[in-house]
Amino acid sequence: MILPTVVRADVFEYAKTLADASIPLIIADPPYVDILPEKWDRGASQYDKLAALIERLLVPGGTAYVWGGIGKPCNRVFFDWLSRVERETALHIHTLITWSKKRAYGTAHNFLFTREECAMLVKGDRPRTFNIPLLDVKRGYAGYSEKYPAKSEYLRRTNVWTDVTEIFKGKIHPAEKPARLAEIMIETSSRSGELVLDPMAGSGSTGVAAVRLERPCLLIEQSDCVMHDFAAVEPRSSTEATSDPQPQPEEVDPLS
């Protein structure tokens, strides 16, 4: 079992000890700013500082997944940052992922709200690693055409994720996300044995995913919040001989 390394420190100070271009994959869930009634969600946005850090730490072609929300009127922190990040850094927005959740919130004068956003950023023009992620749903047809046959009998994951359910009860952190989200990112954007960094780790869901997938992981968290018991998480290889579809090598067909 590979347990995460947990560092309780300010990420921007501790990161000074980390070498440039040394991290293949970063998964970050920074404060959204004035969304949750928590002290750490108050104050100035950290997205710009985080982007500079990601740019420095990522290897060429490395990937970062950065969570955000739509915010509130006159407080669109995430969208404002996204509009600038490509101009101000060497990071490119490879895609914007929407996590479509099950529980809906809303008012009488608007659509029900079920989404959260995640920017997939790449240092350079294209990711050095992209293992095509598949759903556990069979496609039911052979492919787009004879020229472009399907590479798998399972459907390919889109950038709208509808198959991961949020945590309804038992959270150990108010902003905790299911570890399965980080699992998908690690499966897709890292290679066996490569380090995963979560610079604002919270409850350590990224660490849970890393243990399951047997990846080394560095978790940095400034607060003394409770984290998961990583020693109690069993690696996937030791708990299941699964028939679930596995990520596939990158294919050439842009339409399947």
Foldseek 3Di string as FASTA:
>chain_A
DAFEAEAAAQLLVVLVPAQFQAAQEEEEEAQQAPPDPDPRNHDDDCLVVVLVSCLGHHHALGKYKYWYACDDVVRRPPVVCVVCSVVPGQKDQPDKAKEFEDDWDDDPPDDTDGIIIITIITNDDHHPFFQFAFAQAFPPDQADDPVGGDPDRTHTDDSYHHPAYFDPDDDQFPPDGALVVLLRVCLTRHDPAGEYEYSAQAQNSNSLSCQQQVYHYYYYHNDPGHHDPSVPRHHVVVPDPDPGDGGHGDDDDPPD
